[in-house]
Amino acid sequence: MKDLDQIHHFLSIEISQISDGPHLSQSHYVVTILERANMVDCKPMSTPLEAKTRTSSNNVLLEDPSYFRGLVGALQYLTLTRLDLSYNVNYASQFMHAPIVVHLKMVRRILRYVKGTIDIDLHFTSNTTLDLCALSDAYWAGSPTTR
């Protein structure tokens, strides 16, 4: 076995060793996703989704649902280092079985947010204490499509 020094790149995750701990980023992977979606030059958004996103106003099924599924799958992998996307990508993945035009618009908005926040990374510090806090939202009637 041979020591190959510090790791810098692993499974589309860039790893930077800083004095206070490692930083994990997927900025190159974000560019790849934006290229796949033809959104490299899109206008960035400051939020991933609108406050009250309607997901059932247009019932026109997408001609190619695999395109939608591929984008959502790529975004799911991006959540490894982008925890701020977890809720929104999970919400989008609920429509994988029969995506409609509105769902694709929702994913495109998430991609526009990702474009504007491409430099966000996951930082592990080596000298902090861990304070674990768990929260729960038991508001089951919150989804406008299942009420």
C-alpha atoms as a PDB file:
ATOM      1  CA  MET A   1       0.000   0.000   0.000  1.00  0.00           C
ATOM      2  CA  LYS A   2       1.278   3.435  -0.896  1.00  0.00           C
ATOM      3  CA  ASP A   3       0.503   6.811   0.688  1.00  0.00           C
ATOM      4  CA  LEU A   4      -0.580   9.187  -2.085  1.00  0.00           C
ATOM      5  CA  ASP A   5      -0.617  12.285   0.155  1.00  0.00           C
ATOM      6  CA  GLN A   6      -3.700  14.441   0.800  1.00  0.00           C
ATOM      7  CA  ILE A   7      -6.901  13.736  -1.112  1.00  0.00           C
ATOM      8  CA  HIS A   8      -8.111  16.619  -3.291  1.00  0.00           C
ATOM      9  CA  HIS A   9     -10.932  15.143  -5.354  1.00  0.00           C
ATOM     10  CA  PHE A  10     -13.238  12.164  -4.727  1.00  0.00           C
ATOM     11  CA  LEU A  11     -16.462  11.260  -6.581  1.00  0.00           C
ATOM     12  CA  SER A  12     -17.047  14.834  -7.859  1.00  0.00           C
ATOM     13  CA  ILE A  13     -16.354  16.282  -4.409  1.00  0.00           C
ATOM     14  CA  GLU A  14     -13.465  18.720  -4.145  1.00  0.00           C
ATOM     15  CA  ILE A  15     -11.640  18.508  -0.812  1.00  0.00           C
ATOM     16  CA  SER A  16      -9.544  21.408   0.469  1.00  0.00           C
ATOM     17  CA  GLN A  17      -7.444  20.924   3.579  1.00  0.00           C
ATOM     18  CA  ILE A  18      -7.434  24.235   5.467  1.00  0.00           C
ATOM     19  CA  SER A  19      -5.741  24.762   8.845  1.00  0.00           C
ATOM     20  CA  ASP A  20      -9.058  24.746  10.741  1.00  0.00           C
ATOM     21  CA  GLY A  21     -10.443  21.647   8.984  1.00  0.00           C
ATOM     22  CA  PRO A  22     -11.466  20.278   5.578  1.00  0.00           C
ATOM     23  CA  HIS A  23     -13.834  22.013   3.148  1.00  0.00           C
ATOM     24  CA  LEU A  24     -15.965  19.881   0.811  1.00  0.00           C
ATOM     25  CA  SER A  25     -17.295  21.482  -2.356  1.00  0.00           C
ATOM     26  CA  GLN A  26     -18.988  20.382  -5.571  1.00  0.00           C
ATOM     27  CA  SER A  27     -18.625  23.565  -7.636  1.00  0.00           C
ATOM     28  CA  HIS A  28     -17.356  21.721 -10.733  1.00  0.00           C
ATOM     29  CA  TYR A  29     -20.252  19.287 -10.438  1.00  0.00           C
ATOM     30  CA  VAL A  30     -22.666  22.246 -10.286  1.00  0.00           C
ATOM     31  CA  VAL A  31     -21.256  23.529 -13.584  1.00  0.00           C
ATOM     32  CA  THR A  32     -21.794  20.063 -15.092  1.00  0.00           C
ATOM     33  CA  ILE A  33     -25.439  20.030 -13.943  1.00  0.00           C
ATOM     34  CA  LEU A  34     -26.020  23.539 -15.306  1.00  0.00           C
ATOM     35  CA  GLU A  35     -24.499  22.507 -18.650  1.00  0.00           C
ATOM     36  CA  ARG A  36     -26.757  19.437 -18.787  1.00  0.00           C
ATOM     37  CA  ALA A  37     -29.781  21.673 -18.155  1.00  0.00           C
ATOM     38  CA  ASN A  38     -28.592  24.354 -20.632  1.00  0.00           C
ATOM     39  CA  MET A  39     -28.622  26.888 -17.788  1.00  0.00           C
ATOM     40  CA  VAL A  40     -24.981  27.999 -17.578  1.00  0.00           C
ATOM     41  CA  ASP A  41     -25.946  31.594 -18.397  1.00  0.00           C
ATOM     42  CA  CYS A  42     -29.174  31.671 -16.367  1.00  0.00           C
ATOM     43  CA  LYS A  43     -30.057  34.479 -13.980  1.00  0.00           C
ATOM     44  CA  PRO A  44     -29.325  33.454 -10.360  1.00  0.00           C
ATOM     45  CA  MET A  45     -32.066  33.427  -7.710  1.00  0.00           C
ATOM     46  CA  SER A  46     -31.707  34.270  -4.027  1.00  0.00           C
ATOM     47  CA  THR A  47     -34.059  31.498  -2.836  1.00  0.00           C
ATOM     48  CA  PRO A  48     -34.497  27.925  -4.119  1.00  0.00           C
ATOM     49  CA  LEU A  49     -38.319  27.972  -4.160  1.00  0.00           C
ATOM     50  CA  GLU A  50     -41.103  30.476  -3.764  1.00  0.00           C
ATOM     51  CA  ALA A  51     -42.860  30.530  -0.387  1.00  0.00           C
ATOM     52  CA  LYS A  52     -46.077  28.967  -1.691  1.00  0.00           C
ATOM     53  CA  THR A  53     -45.066  26.921  -4.703  1.00  0.00           C
ATOM     54  CA  ARG A  54     -48.055  25.513  -6.594  1.00  0.00           C
ATOM     55  CA  THR A  55     -47.289  22.062  -7.939  1.00  0.00           C
ATOM     56  CA  SER A  56     -50.606  20.994  -9.428  1.00  0.00           C
ATOM     57  CA  SER A  57     -51.900  23.941 -11.454  1.00  0.00           C
ATOM     58  CA  ASN A  58     -50.841  22.536 -14.841  1.00  0.00           C
ATOM     59  CA  ASN A  59     -51.465  18.845 -15.485  1.00  0.00           C
ATOM     60  CA  VAL A  60     -49.530  18.577 -18.756  1.00  0.00           C
ATOM     61  CA  LEU A  61     -47.120  15.648 -18.386  1.00  0.00           C
ATOM     62  CA  LEU A  62     -43.565  16.162 -19.566  1.00  0.00           C
ATOM     63  CA  GLU A  63     -42.748  14.553 -22.906  1.00  0.00           C
ATOM     64  CA  ASP A  64     -39.439  13.255 -21.541  1.00  0.00           C
ATOM     65  CA  PRO A  65     -39.704  12.538 -17.797  1.00  0.00           C
ATOM     66  CA  SER A  66     -36.170  11.084 -17.782  1.00  0.00           C
ATOM     67  CA  TYR A  67     -34.772  14.616 -18.263  1.00  0.00           C
ATOM     68  CA  PHE A  68     -36.577  15.775 -15.096  1.00  0.00           C
ATOM     69  CA  ARG A  69     -35.536  12.651 -13.202  1.00  0.00           C
ATOM     70  CA  GLY A  70     -31.911  13.102 -14.230  1.00  0.00           C
ATOM     71  CA  LEU A  71     -31.835  16.689 -12.988  1.00  0.00           C
ATOM     72  CA  VAL A  72     -33.452  15.763  -9.671  1.00  0.00           C
ATOM     73  CA  GLY A  73     -31.036  12.855  -9.249  1.00  0.00           C
ATOM     74  CA  ALA A  74     -28.079  15.159  -9.888  1.00  0.00           C
ATOM     75  CA  LEU A  75     -29.451  17.621  -7.339  1.00  0.00           C
ATOM     76  CA  GLN A  76     -29.874  14.785  -4.832  1.00  0.00           C
ATOM     77  CA  TYR A  77     -26.173  13.974  -5.155  1.00  0.00           C
ATOM     78  CA  LEU A  78     -25.368  17.661  -4.719  1.00  0.00           C
ATOM     79  CA  THR A  79     -27.052  17.635  -1.297  1.00  0.00           C
ATOM     80  CA  LEU A  80     -24.051  15.690   0.056  1.00  0.00           C
ATOM     81  CA  THR A  81     -22.242  19.013   0.433  1.00  0.00           C
ATOM     82  CA  ARG A  82     -25.147  21.434   0.038  1.00  0.00           C
ATOM     83  CA  LEU A  83     -27.409  20.828   3.013  1.00  0.00           C
ATOM     84  CA  ASP A  84     -29.348  24.014   2.213  1.00  0.00           C
ATOM     85  CA  LEU A  85     -30.844  22.186  -0.790  1.00  0.00           C
ATOM     86  CA  SER A  86     -32.054  19.082   1.046  1.00  0.00           C
ATOM     87  CA  TYR A  87     -35.659  20.113   1.674  1.00  0.00           C
ATOM     88  CA  ASN A  88     -36.221  21.569  -1.796  1.00  0.00           C
ATOM     89  CA  VAL A  89     -34.686  18.633  -3.655  1.00  0.00           C
ATOM     90  CA  ASN A  90     -36.643  16.182  -1.494  1.00  0.00           C
ATOM     91  CA  TYR A  91     -39.813  18.088  -2.349  1.00  0.00           C
ATOM     92  CA  ALA A  92     -39.012  17.955  -6.076  1.00  0.00           C
ATOM     93  CA  SER A  93     -38.263  14.227  -5.881  1.00  0.00           C
ATOM     94  CA  GLN A  94     -41.825  13.539  -4.716  1.00  0.00           C
ATOM     95  CA  PHE A  95     -42.966  14.120  -8.311  1.00  0.00           C
ATOM     96  CA  MET A  96     -40.578  11.713 -10.057  1.00  0.00           C
ATOM     97  CA  HIS A  97     -43.298   9.218 -11.022  1.00  0.00           C
ATOM     98  CA  ALA A  98     -45.321  11.652 -13.185  1.00  0.00           C
ATOM     99  CA  PRO A  99     -43.589  15.023 -13.555  1.00  0.00           C
ATOM    100  CA  ILE A 100     -45.530  17.867 -15.125  1.00  0.00           C
ATOM    101  CA  VAL A 101     -44.388  21.194 -16.564  1.00  0.00           C
ATOM    102  CA  VAL A 102     -44.745  22.985 -13.211  1.00  0.00           C
ATOM    103  CA  HIS A 103     -42.379  20.490 -11.572  1.00  0.00           C
ATOM    104  CA  LEU A 104     -39.705  21.129 -14.203  1.00  0.00           C
ATOM    105  CA  LYS A 105     -40.057  24.877 -13.601  1.00  0.00           C
ATOM    106  CA  MET A 106     -39.567  24.201  -9.889  1.00  0.00           C
ATOM    107  CA  VAL A 107     -36.345  22.260 -10.561  1.00  0.00           C
ATOM    108  CA  ARG A 108     -35.116  25.017 -12.878  1.00  0.00           C
ATOM    109  CA  ARG A 109     -35.650  27.539 -10.086  1.00  0.00           C
ATOM    110  CA  ILE A 110     -33.596  25.364  -7.722  1.00  0.00           C
ATOM    111  CA  LEU A 111     -30.857  25.297 -10.369  1.00  0.00           C
ATOM    112  CA  ARG A 112     -30.967  29.086 -10.633  1.00  0.00           C
ATOM    113  CA  TYR A 113     -30.470  29.262  -6.855  1.00  0.00           C
ATOM    114  CA  VAL A 114     -27.563  26.816  -7.116  1.00  0.00           C
ATOM    115  CA  LYS A 115     -26.017  28.996  -9.829  1.00  0.00           C
ATOM    116  CA  GLY A 116     -26.085  31.999  -7.486  1.00  0.00           C
ATOM    117  CA  THR A 117     -24.665  30.048  -4.543  1.00  0.00           C
ATOM    118  CA  ILE A 118     -22.082  27.938  -6.357  1.00  0.00           C
ATOM    119  CA  ASP A 119     -19.343  28.771  -3.846  1.00  0.00           C
ATOM    120  CA  ILE A 120     -21.143  27.415  -0.760  1.00  0.00           C
ATOM    121  CA  ASP A 121     -19.249  24.475   0.686  1.00  0.00           C
ATOM    122  CA  LEU A 122     -19.370  22.142   3.656  1.00  0.00           C
ATOM    123  CA  HIS A 123     -16.806  22.984   6.316  1.00  0.00           C
ATOM    124  CA  PHE A 124     -15.740  20.673   9.121  1.00  0.00           C
ATOM    125  CA  THR A 125     -13.936  22.394  11.965  1.00  0.00           C
ATOM    126  CA  SER A 126     -11.579  20.449  14.147  1.00  0.00           C
ATOM    127  CA  ASN A 127     -11.911  22.360  17.404  1.00  0.00           C
ATOM    128  CA  THR A 128     -15.616  22.844  18.058  1.00  0.00           C
ATOM    129  CA  THR A 129     -18.006  21.109  20.376  1.00  0.00           C
ATOM    130  CA  LEU A 130     -21.041  19.364  19.004  1.00  0.00           C
ATOM    131  CA  ASP A 131     -24.389  20.613  20.266  1.00  0.00           C
ATOM    132  CA  LEU A 132     -27.074  18.329  18.895  1.00  0.00           C
ATOM    133  CA  CYS A 133     -30.559  19.784  18.518  1.00  0.00           C
ATOM    134  CA  ALA A 134     -33.524  17.921  17.011  1.00  0.00           C
ATOM    135  CA  LEU A 135     -36.664  19.605  15.717  1.00  0.00           C
ATOM    136  CA  SER A 136     -39.889  18.137  14.427  1.00  0.00           C
ATOM    137  CA  ASP A 137     -42.681  19.595  12.345  1.00  0.00           C
ATOM    138  CA  ALA A 138     -45.846  17.568  12.864  1.00  0.00           C
ATOM    139  CA  TYR A 139     -48.055  19.726  10.662  1.00  0.00           C
ATOM    140  CA  TRP A 140     -49.310  17.006   8.326  1.00  0.00           C
ATOM    141  CA  ALA A 141     -51.919  19.189   6.612  1.00  0.00           C
ATOM    142  CA  GLY A 142     -49.260  21.576   5.324  1.00  0.00           C
ATOM    143  CA  SER A 143     -49.161  20.202   1.787  1.00  0.00           C
ATOM    144  CA  PRO A 144     -51.737  21.960  -0.417  1.00  0.00           C
ATOM    145  CA  THR A 145     -51.909  18.957  -2.783  1.00  0.00           C
ATOM    146  CA  THR A 146     -52.827  16.341  -0.141  1.00  0.00           C
ATOM    147  CA  ARG A 147     -55.272  18.231   2.082  1.00  0.00           C
END
